[in-house]
Amino acid sequence: MIYSLFATCKLHQVNPYEWLLDVLRKINDPEYGGRFSDLLPHRWKKNTSTSA
């Protein structure tokens, strides 16, 4: 499963290391609110590129 997520990162030109670090931080944060679909690589890229 993790391999398919890394392949999705590659497909959407997302750095898998940065993505994984951020995802691990957010899933452990009780204030994140469980919006796990936003952590998929293609959505994560949209959310992080607009906030930077």
N, C-alpha and C. Protein backbone atom coordinates (compact mmCIF):
# COMPACT_ATOMS: atom_id res chain seq x y z
N MET A 1 0.82 -1.19 0.00
CA MET A 1 0.00 0.00 0.00
C MET A 1 0.87 1.26 0.00
N ILE A 2 1.91 1.26 0.80
CA ILE A 2 2.76 2.45 0.86
C ILE A 2 3.45 2.68 -0.48
N TYR A 3 3.79 1.59 -1.18
CA TYR A 3 4.42 1.73 -2.49
C TYR A 3 3.47 2.43 -3.46
N SER A 4 2.20 2.09 -3.42
CA SER A 4 1.24 2.74 -4.32
C SER A 4 1.08 4.23 -3.98
N LEU A 5 1.17 4.57 -2.71
CA LEU A 5 1.10 5.98 -2.33
C LEU A 5 2.34 6.74 -2.81
N PHE A 6 3.50 6.10 -2.71
CA PHE A 6 4.73 6.73 -3.23
C PHE A 6 4.67 6.87 -4.75
N ALA A 7 4.10 5.88 -5.43
CA ALA A 7 3.94 5.98 -6.88
C ALA A 7 2.99 7.12 -7.24
N THR A 8 1.96 7.31 -6.44
CA THR A 8 1.04 8.43 -6.66
C THR A 8 1.76 9.75 -6.44
N CYS A 9 2.63 9.81 -5.46
CA CYS A 9 3.44 11.02 -5.24
C CYS A 9 4.26 11.32 -6.48
N LYS A 10 4.91 10.31 -7.02
CA LYS A 10 5.72 10.49 -8.21
C LYS A 10 4.88 10.99 -9.38
N LEU A 11 3.70 10.39 -9.55
CA LEU A 11 2.80 10.76 -10.64
C LEU A 11 2.40 12.23 -10.57
N HIS A 12 2.20 12.74 -9.36
CA HIS A 12 1.76 14.12 -9.17
C HIS A 12 2.91 15.07 -8.82
N GLN A 13 4.13 14.60 -8.99
CA GLN A 13 5.33 15.39 -8.74
C GLN A 13 5.37 15.95 -7.32
N VAL A 14 5.13 15.05 -6.38
CA VAL A 14 5.17 15.38 -4.95
C VAL A 14 6.37 14.65 -4.36
N ASN A 15 7.13 15.34 -3.53
CA ASN A 15 8.26 14.71 -2.85
C ASN A 15 7.70 13.73 -1.82
N PRO A 16 7.92 12.41 -2.00
CA PRO A 16 7.34 11.44 -1.08
C PRO A 16 7.81 11.59 0.36
N TYR A 17 9.05 12.01 0.55
CA TYR A 17 9.58 12.18 1.91
C TYR A 17 8.87 13.32 2.63
N GLU A 18 8.74 14.47 1.96
CA GLU A 18 8.04 15.61 2.57
C GLU A 18 6.58 15.28 2.82
N TRP A 19 5.96 14.60 1.85
CA TRP A 19 4.56 14.22 1.98
C TRP A 19 4.36 13.32 3.19
N LEU A 20 5.19 12.27 3.29
CA LEU A 20 5.04 11.32 4.38
C LEU A 20 5.26 11.97 5.75
N LEU A 21 6.26 12.82 5.87
CA LEU A 21 6.49 13.51 7.14
C LEU A 21 5.28 14.35 7.54
N ASP A 22 4.73 15.09 6.60
CA ASP A 22 3.58 15.93 6.90
C ASP A 22 2.35 15.10 7.25
N VAL A 23 2.13 14.02 6.51
CA VAL A 23 0.99 13.15 6.78
C VAL A 23 1.10 12.53 8.17
N LEU A 24 2.28 12.05 8.53
CA LEU A 24 2.45 11.45 9.85
C LEU A 24 2.22 12.46 10.97
N ARG A 25 2.63 13.69 10.75
CA ARG A 25 2.37 14.73 11.76
C ARG A 25 0.87 15.00 11.88
N LYS A 26 0.20 15.10 10.75
CA LYS A 26 -1.22 15.46 10.78
C LYS A 26 -2.11 14.36 11.32
N ILE A 27 -1.82 13.10 11.01
CA ILE A 27 -2.70 12.04 11.51
C ILE A 27 -2.56 11.85 13.01
N ASN A 28 -1.48 12.33 13.58
CA ASN A 28 -1.30 12.27 15.04
C ASN A 28 -1.80 13.51 15.75
N ASP A 29 -2.23 14.51 15.01
CA ASP A 29 -2.70 15.76 15.59
C ASP A 29 -4.21 15.70 15.79
N PRO A 30 -4.69 15.71 17.05
CA PRO A 30 -6.13 15.63 17.29
C PRO A 30 -6.90 16.83 16.74
N GLU A 31 -6.23 17.94 16.53
CA GLU A 31 -6.90 19.13 16.01
C GLU A 31 -7.05 19.11 14.50
N TYR A 32 -6.44 18.12 13.83
CA TYR A 32 -6.52 18.06 12.37
C TYR A 32 -7.94 17.78 11.90
N GLY A 33 -8.68 17.03 12.65
CA GLY A 33 -10.10 16.85 12.35
C GLY A 33 -10.44 15.67 11.45
N GLY A 34 -9.51 14.81 11.18
CA GLY A 34 -9.83 13.61 10.42
C GLY A 34 -10.12 13.80 8.95
N ARG A 35 -9.63 14.85 8.35
CA ARG A 35 -9.84 15.07 6.91
C ARG A 35 -8.78 14.29 6.14
N PHE A 36 -8.85 12.98 6.26
CA PHE A 36 -7.80 12.13 5.71
C PHE A 36 -7.75 12.14 4.19
N SER A 37 -8.86 12.39 3.53
CA SER A 37 -8.83 12.44 2.07
C SER A 37 -7.99 13.62 1.58
N ASP A 38 -7.85 14.65 2.40
CA ASP A 38 -7.00 15.79 2.03
C ASP A 38 -5.52 15.44 2.08
N LEU A 39 -5.19 14.29 2.65
CA LEU A 39 -3.80 13.88 2.76
C LEU A 39 -3.33 13.04 1.58
N LEU A 40 -4.23 12.72 0.66
CA LEU A 40 -3.81 12.02 -0.55
C LEU A 40 -2.87 12.93 -1.33
N PRO A 41 -1.86 12.36 -1.96
CA PRO A 41 -0.81 13.19 -2.58
C PRO A 41 -1.31 14.31 -3.49
N HIS A 42 -2.28 14.04 -4.35
CA HIS A 42 -2.73 15.10 -5.27
C HIS A 42 -3.46 16.22 -4.54
N ARG A 43 -4.20 15.90 -3.50
CA ARG A 43 -4.87 16.95 -2.71
C ARG A 43 -3.88 17.65 -1.79
N TRP A 44 -2.96 16.90 -1.24
CA TRP A 44 -1.93 17.47 -0.36
C TRP A 44 -1.13 18.52 -1.11
N LYS A 45 -0.80 18.22 -2.36
CA LYS A 45 -0.01 19.16 -3.17
C LYS A 45 -0.76 20.48 -3.36
N LYS A 46 -2.06 20.40 -3.64
CA LYS A 46 -2.87 21.62 -3.80
C LYS A 46 -2.90 22.43 -2.51
N ASN A 47 -3.10 21.74 -1.39
CA ASN A 47 -3.21 22.43 -0.10
C ASN A 47 -1.89 23.03 0.36
N THR A 48 -0.78 22.37 0.09
CA THR A 48 0.50 22.90 0.55
C THR A 48 1.04 23.96 -0.39
N SER A 49 0.74 23.87 -1.68
CA SER A 49 1.27 24.87 -2.61
C SER A 49 0.56 26.21 -2.46
N THR A 50 -0.71 26.19 -2.03
CA THR A 50 -1.43 27.45 -1.85
C THR A 50 -1.10 28.10 -0.51
N SER A 51 -0.68 27.28 0.47
CA SER A 51 -0.39 27.85 1.78
C SER A 51 1.06 28.31 1.91
N ALA A 52 1.89 27.98 0.96
CA ALA A 52 3.30 28.37 1.04
C ALA A 52 3.54 29.76 0.49
